[in-house]
Amino acid sequence: MTAFNAGRYEAAVEAFNKAYRGKQTAITLYQLGLAYNGMGQPSKALEAFESYVSYADPTKEAAQLSAAKSEIARIKSSVGRFAVKV
């Protein structure tokens, strides 16, 4: 969180990924989404936020869930996505 709060988003992503590998918690996915947003990587932020919404406990993380859902809607409305099947 220190790197994130200092605006060092790349370092924050590295730290959050390392933390998630050590202990998989939903809140770490939310933090990854925020860091990817800060880096200007909406597709990775969207993936992290969607994963967070899938795993978060709605009784314990209601505020973050609401924020994540808002970010998902914002990203989807502002960034084009497409799938390529090979």
Protein backbone atom coordinates (compact mmCIF):
# COMPACT_ATOMS: atom_id res chain seq x y z
CA MET A 1 0.00 0.00 0.00
CA THR A 2 2.96 2.31 0.57
CA ALA A 3 3.92 2.16 -3.10
CA PHE A 4 0.30 2.60 -4.17
CA ASN A 5 -0.23 5.61 -1.92
CA ALA A 6 2.96 7.16 -3.31
CA GLY A 7 1.68 6.75 -6.88
CA ARG A 8 4.22 4.05 -7.72
CA TYR A 9 1.67 1.78 -9.35
CA GLU A 10 4.09 -0.62 -11.04
CA ALA A 11 5.76 -1.35 -7.71
CA ALA A 12 2.31 -1.68 -6.13
CA VAL A 13 1.24 -4.24 -8.76
CA GLU A 14 4.39 -6.25 -8.09
CA ALA A 15 3.77 -6.14 -4.34
CA PHE A 16 0.07 -7.03 -4.66
CA ASN A 17 0.86 -9.93 -7.01
CA LYS A 18 3.47 -11.23 -4.58
CA ALA A 19 1.02 -10.89 -1.69
CA TYR A 20 -1.69 -12.69 -3.67
CA ARG A 21 0.67 -15.57 -4.47
CA GLY A 22 1.43 -15.85 -0.75
CA LYS A 23 -2.18 -15.68 0.41
CA GLN A 24 -5.09 -15.44 -1.97
CA THR A 25 -7.48 -12.84 -0.60
CA ALA A 26 -10.22 -11.02 -2.45
CA ILE A 27 -9.14 -7.60 -1.21
CA THR A 28 -5.77 -8.04 -2.91
CA LEU A 29 -7.58 -8.41 -6.23
CA TYR A 30 -9.40 -5.13 -5.53
CA GLN A 31 -6.09 -3.43 -4.77
CA LEU A 32 -4.63 -4.82 -8.00
CA GLY A 33 -7.55 -3.31 -9.88
CA LEU A 34 -6.87 0.07 -8.35
CA ALA A 35 -3.17 -0.14 -9.17
CA TYR A 36 -3.81 -1.18 -12.77
CA ASN A 37 -6.23 1.74 -13.07
CA GLY A 38 -3.48 4.02 -11.83
CA MET A 39 -1.14 2.61 -14.47
CA GLY A 40 -3.68 3.27 -17.21
CA GLN A 41 -4.23 -0.42 -17.95
CA PRO A 42 -8.03 -0.74 -17.99
CA SER A 43 -8.20 -4.30 -19.31
CA LYS A 44 -6.06 -5.62 -16.46
CA ALA A 45 -7.97 -3.47 -13.98
CA LEU A 46 -11.25 -4.86 -15.29
CA GLU A 47 -10.00 -8.43 -14.95
CA ALA A 48 -8.87 -7.80 -11.37
CA PHE A 49 -12.12 -6.08 -10.39
CA GLU A 50 -14.25 -8.84 -11.95
CA SER A 51 -12.24 -11.48 -10.09
CA TYR A 52 -12.64 -9.51 -6.89
CA VAL A 53 -16.43 -9.34 -7.31
CA SER A 54 -16.50 -13.12 -7.80
CA TYR A 55 -14.62 -13.85 -4.57
CA ALA A 56 -15.46 -11.01 -2.19
CA ASP A 57 -17.63 -11.51 0.87
CA PRO A 58 -20.60 -9.15 0.46
CA THR A 59 -21.17 -8.91 4.22
CA LYS A 60 -17.61 -7.89 5.01
CA GLU A 61 -16.64 -5.94 1.90
CA ALA A 62 -19.82 -4.15 0.85
CA ALA A 63 -18.15 -0.77 0.26
CA GLN A 64 -15.34 -2.21 -1.87
CA LEU A 65 -17.82 -4.38 -3.79
CA SER A 66 -19.89 -1.35 -4.66
CA ALA A 67 -16.79 0.57 -5.74
CA ALA A 68 -15.52 -2.36 -7.80
CA LYS A 69 -18.87 -2.74 -9.57
CA SER A 70 -18.87 0.98 -10.35
CA GLU A 71 -15.34 0.71 -11.79
CA ILE A 72 -16.36 -2.30 -13.87
CA ALA A 73 -19.27 -0.35 -15.34
CA ARG A 74 -17.09 2.71 -15.95
CA ILE A 75 -14.35 0.70 -17.67
CA LYS A 76 -16.81 -1.24 -19.82
CA SER A 77 -18.51 1.94 -20.95
CA SER A 78 -15.28 3.74 -21.81
CA VAL A 79 -13.03 1.02 -23.22
CA GLY A 80 -13.73 -1.20 -26.19
CA ARG A 81 -13.10 -4.92 -25.83
CA PHE A 82 -13.24 -7.75 -28.29
CA ALA A 83 -12.44 -11.44 -28.31
CA VAL A 84 -10.52 -13.21 -31.04
CA LYS A 85 -11.01 -16.95 -31.50
CA VAL A 86 -8.28 -18.79 -33.29
